[in-house]
Protein backbone atom coordinates (compact mmCIF):
# COMPACT_ATOMS: atom_id res chain seq x y z
CA MET A 1 63.37 -41.28 25.16
CA TYR A 2 64.17 -44.49 26.99
CA CYS A 3 63.85 -45.71 30.56
CA LYS A 4 67.16 -45.48 32.39
CA ASN A 5 66.24 -48.49 34.48
CA CYS A 6 65.03 -51.12 31.96
CA GLY A 7 65.68 -49.48 28.59
CA ARG A 8 62.07 -49.49 27.33
CA GLN A 9 61.15 -46.73 24.87
CA LEU A 10 58.85 -44.23 26.54
CA LYS A 11 56.09 -42.17 25.00
CA GLU A 12 56.29 -38.39 25.16
CA GLY A 13 54.69 -37.03 28.33
CA THR A 14 54.93 -40.36 30.16
CA ARG A 15 55.69 -39.93 33.86
CA PHE A 16 56.38 -43.60 34.70
CA CYS A 17 57.74 -46.54 32.70
CA ASP A 18 54.87 -48.88 31.80
CA ARG A 19 57.25 -51.86 32.14
CA CYS A 20 59.17 -51.38 35.37
CA GLY A 21 57.36 -48.35 36.85
CA GLN A 22 60.55 -46.24 37.17
CA SER A 23 59.92 -42.49 37.50
CA VAL A 24 60.90 -40.63 34.34
CA ARG A 25 61.81 -37.48 36.36
CA LYS A 26 64.10 -39.48 38.62
CA ASN A 27 65.80 -40.88 35.54
CA MET A 28 66.39 -37.35 34.23
CA GLN A 29 67.76 -36.20 37.61
CA ASN A 30 70.09 -39.16 37.75
CA SER A 31 71.23 -38.45 34.20
CA GLN A 32 71.95 -34.79 34.99
CA ALA A 33 73.80 -35.71 38.19
CA ALA A 34 75.91 -38.21 36.29
CA ARG A 35 76.64 -35.57 33.66
CA HIS A 36 77.69 -33.04 36.31
CA GLN A 37 79.89 -35.65 37.96
CA GLU A 38 81.50 -36.47 34.60
CA ILE A 39 82.18 -32.77 33.98
CA LYS A 40 83.77 -32.43 37.42
CA GLU A 41 85.96 -35.47 36.80
CA LEU A 42 87.03 -34.08 33.41
CA GLN A 43 87.89 -30.72 35.00
CA ALA A 44 89.85 -32.45 37.76
CA GLU A 45 91.75 -34.51 35.18
CA ARG A 46 92.63 -31.38 33.20
CA LEU A 47 93.89 -29.70 36.38
CA ASN A 48 95.94 -32.76 37.23
CA ARG A 49 97.45 -32.82 33.73
CA LYS A 50 98.38 -29.12 34.00
CA LYS A 51 99.89 -29.74 37.43
CA ARG A 52 101.94 -32.72 36.20
CA LEU A 53 103.09 -30.71 33.15
CA ALA A 54 104.17 -27.82 35.38
CA GLU A 55 106.08 -30.19 37.67
CA LYS A 56 107.77 -31.81 34.67
CA GLU A 57 108.84 -28.42 33.29
CA ALA A 58 110.16 -27.42 36.73
CA ARG A 59 112.23 -30.64 36.96
CA GLN A 60 113.62 -30.07 33.46
CA ALA A 61 114.55 -26.48 34.38
CA ARG A 62 116.33 -27.69 37.54
CA ASN A 63 118.21 -30.35 35.54
CA ARG A 64 119.29 -27.78 32.94
CA LYS A 65 120.51 -25.47 35.72
CA ARG A 66 122.46 -28.30 37.39
CA LYS A 67 124.08 -29.26 34.08
CA LYS A 68 124.99 -25.62 33.42
CA ASN A 69 126.49 -25.25 36.89
CA ARG A 70 128.40 -28.52 36.46
CA GLY A 71 129.77 -27.32 33.12
CA THR A 72 130.82 -24.00 34.66
CA THR A 73 132.61 -25.82 37.49
CA VAL A 74 134.46 -28.10 35.07
CA LEU A 75 135.48 -25.10 32.95
CA PHE A 76 136.70 -23.24 36.05
CA VAL A 77 138.80 -26.20 37.18
CA ALA A 78 140.25 -26.58 33.66
CA VAL A 79 141.21 -22.88 33.59
CA ILE A 80 142.90 -23.16 37.01
CA LEU A 81 144.88 -26.21 35.84
CA LEU A 82 145.94 -24.41 32.64
CA ILE A 83 147.09 -21.39 34.66
CA ALA A 84 149.08 -23.65 36.99
CA VAL A 85 150.76 -25.45 34.08
CA ALA A 86 151.51 -22.14 32.36
CA SER A 87 153.05 -20.77 35.59
CA ILE A 88 155.34 -23.79 35.87
CA ILE A 89 156.40 -23.48 32.23
CA ILE A 90 157.05 -19.75 32.56
CA GLY A 91 159.04 -20.32 35.77
CA TYR A 92 161.30 -22.79 34.01
CA ASN A 93 161.87 -20.40 31.12
CA ILE A 94 163.08 -17.42 33.20
CA PRO A 95 165.05 -15.58 32.03
CA GLY A 96 165.45 -15.33 28.26
CA ASP A 97 163.88 -16.66 25.12
CA ASP A 98 163.36 -20.18 23.81
CA SER A 99 167.01 -20.56 22.79
CA THR A 100 168.09 -20.31 26.44
CA THR A 101 165.78 -23.07 27.57
CA ASN A 102 166.81 -25.37 24.75
CA THR A 103 170.45 -24.76 25.44
CA ILE A 104 170.17 -25.55 29.13
CA ALA A 105 167.99 -28.60 28.70
CA SER A 106 170.30 -30.14 26.10
CA SER A 107 173.54 -29.38 27.89
CA THR A 108 174.61 -32.87 28.96
CA PRO A 109 178.08 -33.33 27.45
CA GLU A 110 180.80 -35.60 28.78
CA SER A 111 183.60 -33.74 30.59
CA SER A 112 187.24 -34.32 29.71
CA LEU A 113 187.47 -36.67 32.70
CA GLY A 114 184.54 -38.78 31.49
CA VAL A 115 182.13 -37.52 34.14
CA GLN A 116 178.53 -36.95 33.06
CA VAL A 117 177.43 -33.36 33.69
CA THR A 118 173.90 -31.93 33.71
CA ALA A 119 172.28 -28.52 33.71
CA THR A 120 168.84 -28.07 35.24
CA PRO A 121 167.01 -24.71 35.31
CA ILE A 122 165.15 -23.82 38.51
CA ALA A 123 162.32 -21.28 38.78
CA SER A 124 163.10 -17.70 39.81
CA LYS A 125 163.04 -16.66 43.46
CA SER A 126 163.44 -13.17 44.94
CA GLY A 127 164.63 -11.67 41.65
CA TYR A 128 167.05 -14.52 40.93
CA SER A 129 166.87 -17.79 39.06
CA GLU A 130 169.15 -20.78 39.58
CA ILE A 131 170.96 -23.32 37.46
CA SER A 132 172.23 -26.63 38.80
CA LEU A 133 175.41 -28.06 37.26
CA SER A 134 176.93 -31.33 38.49
CA GLY A 135 175.62 -30.81 42.02
CA VAL A 136 176.52 -27.10 42.20
CA THR A 137 173.72 -24.52 42.33
CA CYS A 138 174.46 -21.07 40.94
CA PRO A 139 171.93 -18.20 41.09
CA TYR A 140 171.75 -15.46 38.46
CA PRO A 141 169.65 -12.28 38.00
CA SER A 142 166.27 -13.14 36.51
CA ASP A 143 166.09 -9.90 34.50
CA PHE A 144 169.31 -10.58 32.56
CA ARG A 145 168.79 -11.35 28.87
CA SER A 146 169.92 -14.74 27.53
CA ASN A 147 172.44 -15.17 24.68
CA THR A 148 173.73 -18.15 22.70
CA VAL A 149 176.26 -20.23 24.64
CA THR A 150 179.61 -21.43 23.31
CA GLY A 151 182.23 -23.92 24.44
CA SER A 152 181.93 -24.89 28.10
CA GLU A 153 179.32 -22.22 28.81
CA LYS A 154 175.90 -23.31 30.10
CA LEU A 155 174.51 -19.79 30.47
CA ASN A 156 175.45 -16.56 28.72
CA LEU A 157 173.59 -13.53 30.03
CA THR A 158 173.58 -9.78 29.46
CA ASP A 159 172.12 -7.03 31.60
CA ALA A 160 169.16 -5.39 29.87
CA LEU A 161 171.05 -2.07 30.02
CA GLY A 162 174.08 -3.66 28.39
CA GLY A 163 176.48 -2.77 31.19
CA ALA A 164 177.26 -6.27 32.47
CA THR A 165 177.58 -9.86 31.34
CA MET A 166 177.55 -13.14 33.21
CA ILE A 167 178.46 -16.65 32.10
CA VAL A 168 178.07 -19.93 33.97
CA ALA A 169 180.28 -22.79 32.82
CA GLN A 170 181.81 -26.09 33.84
CA GLU A 171 185.00 -27.88 32.88
CA GLY A 172 186.83 -31.02 33.82
CA LYS A 173 189.53 -29.87 36.27
CA SER A 174 191.62 -31.64 38.88
CA GLY A 175 193.89 -30.19 41.56
CA GLU A 176 193.69 -27.91 44.55
CA PRO A 177 191.54 -24.76 44.24
CA ALA A 178 194.58 -22.56 45.00
CA ASP A 179 196.49 -24.11 42.10
CA LEU A 180 193.49 -23.76 39.80
CA MET A 181 193.20 -20.10 40.79
CA LYS A 182 196.86 -19.46 39.87
CA ALA A 183 196.36 -21.27 36.56
CA TYR A 184 193.36 -19.05 35.81
CA LEU A 185 195.33 -15.85 36.52
CA GLU A 186 198.13 -17.05 34.24
CA GLU A 187 195.57 -17.85 31.57
CA ILE A 188 194.18 -14.29 31.55
CA GLY A 189 197.68 -12.79 31.92
CA VAL A 190 197.29 -11.22 35.37
CA ASP A 191 199.93 -11.36 38.12
CA ASN A 192 198.00 -9.68 40.90
CA ALA A 193 194.23 -9.45 41.45
CA THR A 194 192.09 -7.13 43.52
CA GLU A 195 190.76 -10.14 45.39
CA MET A 196 192.08 -13.70 45.67
CA ARG A 197 190.67 -16.29 48.05
CA ALA A 198 191.02 -20.06 47.93
CA GLY A 199 189.36 -22.64 50.16
CA SER A 200 189.20 -26.41 50.34
CA ASP A 201 186.83 -26.76 47.37
CA SER A 202 186.51 -23.27 45.85
CA TYR A 203 188.28 -20.06 44.94
CA VAL A 204 187.26 -16.43 44.32
CA VAL A 205 189.09 -13.92 42.11
CA THR A 206 188.33 -10.28 41.22
CA VAL A 207 190.39 -8.55 38.55
CA GLU A 208 190.14 -4.84 37.65
CA ASP A 209 192.12 -3.22 34.83
CA GLY A 210 190.71 0.29 35.00
CA GLU A 211 188.16 -0.28 32.27
CA SER A 212 186.32 -3.38 33.42
CA VAL A 213 185.90 -5.58 36.47
CA VAL A 214 185.86 -9.37 36.18
CA HIS A 215 184.76 -11.51 39.14
CA ARG A 216 184.92 -15.30 39.23
CA LYS A 217 183.82 -17.85 41.79
CA CYS A 218 184.68 -21.49 41.08
CA ILE A 219 183.65 -24.63 42.98
CA VAL A 220 185.46 -27.92 42.35
CA LYS A 221 183.63 -31.22 42.96
CA ASN A 222 184.61 -34.70 41.79
CA GLY A 223 186.97 -33.41 39.13
CA ILE A 224 184.46 -30.90 37.75
CA ALA A 225 184.98 -27.14 38.05
CA VAL A 226 181.75 -25.12 37.99
CA TYR A 227 182.24 -21.36 37.86
CA TYR A 228 180.65 -18.06 36.93
CA ASP A 229 182.30 -14.94 35.52
CA PHE A 230 180.60 -11.59 36.13
CA THR A 231 182.00 -8.71 34.06
CA TYR A 232 180.97 -5.04 34.14
CA ASP A 233 182.34 -1.61 33.22
CA ALA A 234 184.46 -0.10 35.98
CA ASP A 235 182.77 3.31 35.60
CA SER A 236 179.21 1.94 35.19
CA THR A 237 176.45 3.88 36.94
CA SER A 238 175.05 0.47 37.99
CA LYS A 239 178.29 -0.58 39.70
CA GLN A 240 176.66 -0.77 43.14
CA LYS A 241 173.87 -2.98 41.81
CA TYR A 242 176.39 -5.31 40.12
CA GLU A 243 178.43 -5.58 43.32
CA GLU A 244 175.23 -6.55 45.17
CA HIS A 245 174.56 -9.23 42.54
CA ILE A 246 178.07 -10.62 43.01
CA LYS A 247 177.76 -10.63 46.79
CA TYR A 248 174.43 -12.47 46.63
CA ILE A 249 175.59 -15.03 44.05
CA ASP A 250 178.81 -15.76 45.99
CA SER A 251 176.81 -16.36 49.18
CA LYS A 252 174.30 -18.70 47.52
CA MET A 253 176.54 -20.60 45.11
CA LYS A 254 177.43 -23.93 46.65
């Protein structure tokens, strides 16, 4: 045992240090108090470490949650953008399969008068889609099925029930609409038509032979004739629907 004050070795049972006179009991009390204080400090340090560790884990959990929420938001925005792009693509493909879209998009031939012509599909609206040819917009039923085009045709469509067909075409033509209408009737071998109307830049003809009805509207602009032919069976059960199609297309084609 040693004196806590001067460090002298003490004999067993000694009450005071024979060098400095320090009380041995006081030394022991001071030593115990210091030990208790050290224990308290160690306990406080352990509590502080646990508290800091808990705070660190809480921050990490919050960061992981924020990253997860951020990832979810980015994924949601990406899905919305994909849906929007898909909607635009689908709108441009109505109606018909891939062959229709390719045919329309690539239809940019030179007319016989050397005028560049274009065909641009427009998304469907109110049950109809539209095609734009050389500045003329022509609607057509969105539920009609698309077929392969030939010659001057830009669209070749068939009713899903098979009772009607519709083509949209353009040709290089010059002259008054009335003269073009007469030339068309001579071409199909008809003297009189159910309906014949000619204006300053367009004409309308309806021909019925007892078996089928053929309706044409043609608009002439800058030496280009853009027209559609709508043909259906005269005794078709969908005759009223086809007549409504014709009425709508005539009113919107311009």
